Amino acid sequence: MKLYLVPTPVGNLGDMTYRSVEVLHSVDLILAEDTRTSRILLQHYNIDTPLQSYHIFNEHQTVASLVERLQSGTTMAVVTDAGTPGISDPGFLLVREAVKAGVEVECLPGATAFVPALVQSGLPCDRFSFVGFLPHKKGRQTALRELADEKRTMVIYESPYRLVKLLDELQSTLGTDRPVCVCREISKVHAESVRGTLAEVSDIFKQRDVKGEIVVIVAGKE
């Protein structure tokens, strides 16, 4: 019995590792955040392992039965739409319960959006704070205020539809001159990194129709 967490490409399908492909071929069942998205990846690598839906809306209801199947000898792999399961994606709950039940758990190394964004940002990456997605409504202002005194580089995930709002909120909290790098469409054809102050970068994206996956890297307080 074993549970694998398998990272999947955040952009280019060629970023899939050989070992990840081998594991997805070998397991009995793949748990997928969105079976439609994962099926495209599996077809690309000729993987015909059975798929089951596993996402934030059903993980609490299914975790007990999945752990029972793992204990009975079923090997499983968890994949998300992109990146490493458990990083702002489903996976943690199943891992926690599997560990409690004595099931072996292994996370394969692979794609995670914030790592290339952080490294290519030009901001210090020896110490950083992974913020992930801020709350949409309740608790958002509190979360923003907590970032004001953070001295480490901050890594924030955001929807393209809320990017400009986030940059303006960060200006109000951290100041207009705080350095920032917005990385968009990592590993895809139209990948880009936009660097500058919060005010400068906000003005740039106000002139655009923002699309794609977004990672915002913000300098810590000096």
Protein backbone atom coordinates (compact mmCIF):
# COMPACT_ATOMS: atom_id res chain seq x y z
CA MET A 1 0.00 0.00 0.00
CA LYS A 2 1.36 3.37 -0.98
CA LEU A 3 0.18 6.86 -1.79
CA TYR A 4 2.12 8.95 -4.30
CA LEU A 5 1.80 12.69 -4.81
CA VAL A 6 2.79 13.34 -8.40
CA PRO A 7 3.56 16.88 -9.65
CA THR A 8 2.25 17.71 -13.11
CA PRO A 9 3.44 20.45 -15.50
CA VAL A 10 2.39 24.02 -14.77
CA GLY A 11 2.77 24.83 -18.46
CA ASN A 12 4.74 22.82 -20.99
CA LEU A 13 3.76 19.13 -21.00
CA GLY A 14 7.43 18.33 -21.58
CA ASP A 15 8.16 19.31 -17.98
CA MET A 16 6.75 15.98 -16.77
CA THR A 17 9.51 13.82 -15.28
CA TYR A 18 10.24 10.27 -16.47
CA ARG A 19 9.60 8.93 -12.99
CA SER A 20 6.25 10.67 -12.71
CA VAL A 21 5.14 8.99 -15.93
CA GLU A 22 6.36 5.62 -14.65
CA VAL A 23 4.48 5.99 -11.37
CA LEU A 24 1.23 6.99 -13.09
CA HIS A 25 1.58 3.91 -15.31
CA SER A 26 2.18 1.62 -12.33
CA VAL A 27 -0.42 2.63 -9.73
CA ASP A 28 -3.87 1.07 -9.45
CA LEU A 29 -5.75 4.38 -9.33
CA ILE A 30 -5.11 8.06 -10.06
CA LEU A 31 -6.99 10.65 -8.02
CA ALA A 32 -7.40 13.77 -10.15
CA GLU A 33 -8.53 17.29 -9.25
CA ASP A 34 -10.24 17.54 -12.65
CA THR A 35 -10.43 14.30 -14.62
CA ARG A 36 -10.93 16.21 -17.89
CA THR A 37 -7.69 18.15 -17.44
CA SER A 38 -5.73 15.12 -16.25
CA ARG A 39 -7.02 12.94 -19.09
CA ILE A 40 -5.30 15.25 -21.59
CA LEU A 41 -1.98 14.73 -19.80
CA LEU A 42 -2.47 10.97 -19.48
CA GLN A 43 -3.36 10.59 -23.15
CA HIS A 44 -0.23 12.54 -24.09
CA TYR A 45 1.87 9.93 -22.26
CA ASN A 46 -0.29 6.90 -23.20
CA ILE A 47 -1.30 6.26 -19.60
CA ASP A 48 -4.53 4.28 -19.23
CA THR A 49 -4.66 3.97 -15.43
CA PRO A 50 -8.20 4.42 -14.03
CA LEU A 51 -9.08 7.95 -12.90
CA GLN A 52 -11.25 9.08 -9.98
CA SER A 53 -12.30 12.63 -9.17
CA TYR A 54 -10.71 14.05 -5.99
CA HIS A 55 -11.11 17.77 -5.31
CA ILE A 56 -11.81 20.30 -2.55
CA PHE A 57 -15.55 19.73 -2.78
CA ASN A 58 -15.47 15.97 -2.17
CA GLU A 59 -12.22 15.26 -0.32
CA HIS A 60 -13.82 15.31 3.16
CA GLN A 61 -16.51 12.87 2.05
CA THR A 62 -14.12 10.45 0.30
CA VAL A 63 -10.96 10.49 2.43
CA ALA A 64 -12.02 7.68 4.81
CA SER A 65 -12.91 5.27 2.00
CA LEU A 66 -9.71 6.10 0.13
CA VAL A 67 -7.58 5.38 3.18
CA GLU A 68 -9.39 2.05 3.62
CA ARG A 69 -8.56 1.13 0.03
CA LEU A 70 -4.94 2.11 0.58
CA GLN A 71 -4.80 -0.08 3.68
CA SER A 72 -6.25 -2.97 1.70
CA GLY A 73 -3.30 -2.82 -0.72
CA THR A 74 -4.37 -0.37 -3.43
CA THR A 75 -1.64 1.95 -4.67
CA MET A 76 -2.77 5.45 -5.59
CA ALA A 77 -1.39 8.64 -7.05
CA VAL A 78 -2.79 12.13 -6.51
CA VAL A 79 -2.47 14.70 -9.29
CA THR A 80 -3.85 18.21 -9.61
CA ASP A 81 -4.51 20.36 -12.65
CA ALA A 82 -0.95 21.73 -12.43
CA GLY A 83 1.93 21.65 -9.97
CA THR A 84 2.47 19.70 -6.77
CA PRO A 85 -0.58 18.36 -4.88
CA GLY A 86 -1.06 19.96 -1.48
CA ILE A 87 0.39 23.35 -2.47
CA SER A 88 -2.79 25.48 -2.65
CA ASP A 89 -4.44 22.35 -4.10
CA PRO A 90 -6.11 19.19 -2.73
CA GLY A 91 -3.84 16.58 -1.19
CA PHE A 92 -3.03 17.54 2.40
CA LEU A 93 -6.11 15.97 3.99
CA LEU A 94 -5.53 12.59 2.35
CA VAL A 95 -1.83 12.67 3.19
CA ARG A 96 -2.55 13.45 6.84
CA GLU A 97 -5.07 10.64 7.21
CA ALA A 98 -2.90 8.18 5.27
CA VAL A 99 0.05 8.90 7.56
CA LYS A 100 -2.15 8.41 10.62
CA ALA A 101 -3.25 5.05 9.22
CA GLY A 102 0.32 3.88 8.64
CA VAL A 103 0.21 4.13 4.86
CA GLU A 104 3.49 4.93 3.13
CA VAL A 105 3.38 8.34 1.45
CA GLU A 106 5.86 9.68 -1.11
CA CYS A 107 5.86 13.01 -2.90
CA LEU A 108 7.83 12.99 -6.15
CA PRO A 109 9.95 16.03 -6.98
CA GLY A 110 8.65 18.12 -9.84
CA ALA A 111 6.85 21.23 -10.97
CA THR A 112 5.64 23.84 -8.48
CA ALA A 113 4.75 27.26 -9.87
CA PHE A 114 6.22 29.39 -7.11
CA VAL A 115 9.77 27.99 -7.28
CA PRO A 116 10.68 29.23 -10.79
CA ALA A 117 8.79 32.47 -10.13
CA LEU A 118 10.74 33.09 -6.94
CA VAL A 119 14.13 32.21 -8.39
CA GLN A 120 13.73 34.32 -11.54
CA SER A 121 12.19 37.31 -9.74
CA GLY A 122 15.54 38.84 -8.82
CA LEU A 123 14.36 39.21 -5.22
CA PRO A 124 16.06 37.40 -2.31
CA CYS A 125 15.11 33.72 -2.26
CA ASP A 126 17.30 32.42 0.57
CA ARG A 127 14.41 33.08 2.98
CA PHE A 128 10.81 33.48 1.89
CA SER A 129 7.23 33.26 3.10
CA PHE A 130 4.76 31.24 1.04
CA VAL A 131 1.41 33.03 1.37
CA GLY A 132 -0.52 31.21 -1.35
CA PHE A 133 -4.00 32.56 -2.09
CA LEU A 134 -5.24 35.32 0.21
CA PRO A 135 -8.84 35.04 1.45
CA HIS A 136 -11.26 36.46 -1.12
CA LYS A 137 -13.44 38.34 1.35
CA LYS A 138 -13.54 37.57 5.06
CA GLY A 139 -10.08 37.94 6.59
CA ARG A 140 -8.47 39.45 3.50
CA GLN A 141 -7.65 42.82 5.04
CA THR A 142 -6.30 41.15 8.16
CA ALA A 143 -4.08 38.92 6.03
CA LEU A 144 -2.81 41.94 4.09
CA ARG A 145 -1.98 43.83 7.29
CA GLU A 146 -0.02 40.82 8.56
CA LEU A 147 2.24 41.09 5.51
CA ALA A 148 3.24 44.68 6.33
CA ASP A 149 6.02 43.68 8.73
CA GLU A 150 7.17 40.53 6.88
CA LYS A 151 10.91 40.82 6.21
CA ARG A 152 11.16 37.76 4.00
CA THR A 153 10.30 37.71 0.30
CA MET A 154 6.59 36.91 -0.06
CA VAL A 155 5.07 34.48 -2.55
CA ILE A 156 1.40 35.07 -3.37
CA TYR A 157 -0.91 33.23 -5.77
CA GLU A 158 -3.68 35.23 -7.42
CA SER A 159 -6.33 34.91 -10.09
CA PRO A 160 -5.73 37.02 -13.22
CA TYR A 161 -9.14 38.60 -12.60
CA ARG A 162 -8.04 39.92 -9.20
CA LEU A 163 -4.40 40.75 -9.95
CA VAL A 164 -4.81 44.52 -10.28
CA LYS A 165 -6.93 44.63 -7.14
CA LEU A 166 -4.24 42.73 -5.25
CA LEU A 167 -1.46 45.03 -6.47
CA ASP A 168 -3.46 48.09 -5.41
CA GLU A 169 -4.21 46.55 -2.00
CA LEU A 170 -0.52 45.77 -1.53
CA GLN A 171 0.33 49.38 -2.37
CA SER A 172 -2.03 50.58 0.35
CA THR A 173 -0.51 48.17 2.86
CA LEU A 174 3.18 48.03 1.91
CA GLY A 175 3.72 51.30 0.06
CA THR A 176 3.91 52.15 -3.61
CA ASP A 177 7.71 51.72 -3.88
CA ARG A 178 7.92 48.10 -2.69
CA PRO A 179 9.66 45.94 -5.35
CA VAL A 180 7.53 43.24 -6.94
CA CYS A 181 7.73 40.69 -9.74
CA VAL A 182 4.60 39.28 -11.36
CA CYS A 183 5.22 36.00 -13.17
CA ARG A 184 2.58 34.91 -15.64
CA GLU A 185 2.10 31.71 -17.65
CA ILE A 186 5.19 30.00 -16.25
CA SER A 187 6.69 27.46 -18.68
CA LYS A 188 4.15 28.33 -21.39
CA VAL A 189 4.66 29.99 -24.77
CA HIS A 190 3.69 33.44 -23.51
CA ALA A 191 5.53 33.28 -20.17
CA GLU A 192 6.69 36.62 -18.82
CA SER A 193 8.02 38.27 -15.66
CA VAL A 194 7.07 41.89 -15.05
CA ARG A 195 9.31 43.62 -12.51
CA GLY A 196 9.21 47.04 -10.87
CA THR A 197 7.60 48.79 -7.93
CA LEU A 198 4.06 47.95 -6.91
CA ALA A 199 2.90 51.23 -8.46
CA GLU A 200 4.72 50.62 -11.75
CA VAL A 201 3.60 47.02 -12.15
CA SER A 202 0.03 47.86 -11.21
CA ASP A 203 -0.07 50.55 -13.90
CA ILE A 204 1.25 48.08 -16.49
CA PHE A 205 -1.44 45.49 -15.80
CA LYS A 206 -4.20 48.12 -15.70
CA GLN A 207 -3.53 48.57 -19.40
CA ARG A 208 -3.94 44.87 -20.18
CA ASP A 209 -6.48 42.10 -20.34
CA VAL A 210 -4.71 39.84 -17.85
CA LYS A 211 -4.82 36.09 -18.52
CA GLY A 212 -3.08 32.96 -17.31
CA GLU A 213 -1.73 31.60 -14.05
CA ILE A 214 -0.22 34.29 -11.80
CA VAL A 215 2.48 34.23 -9.12
CA VAL A 216 3.29 37.52 -7.35
CA ILE A 217 6.69 37.83 -5.66
CA VAL A 218 6.95 40.80 -3.27
CA ALA A 219 10.08 42.05 -1.51
CA GLY A 220 10.07 41.89 2.26
CA LYS A 221 10.29 44.90 4.54
CA GLU A 222 13.81 46.31 4.78
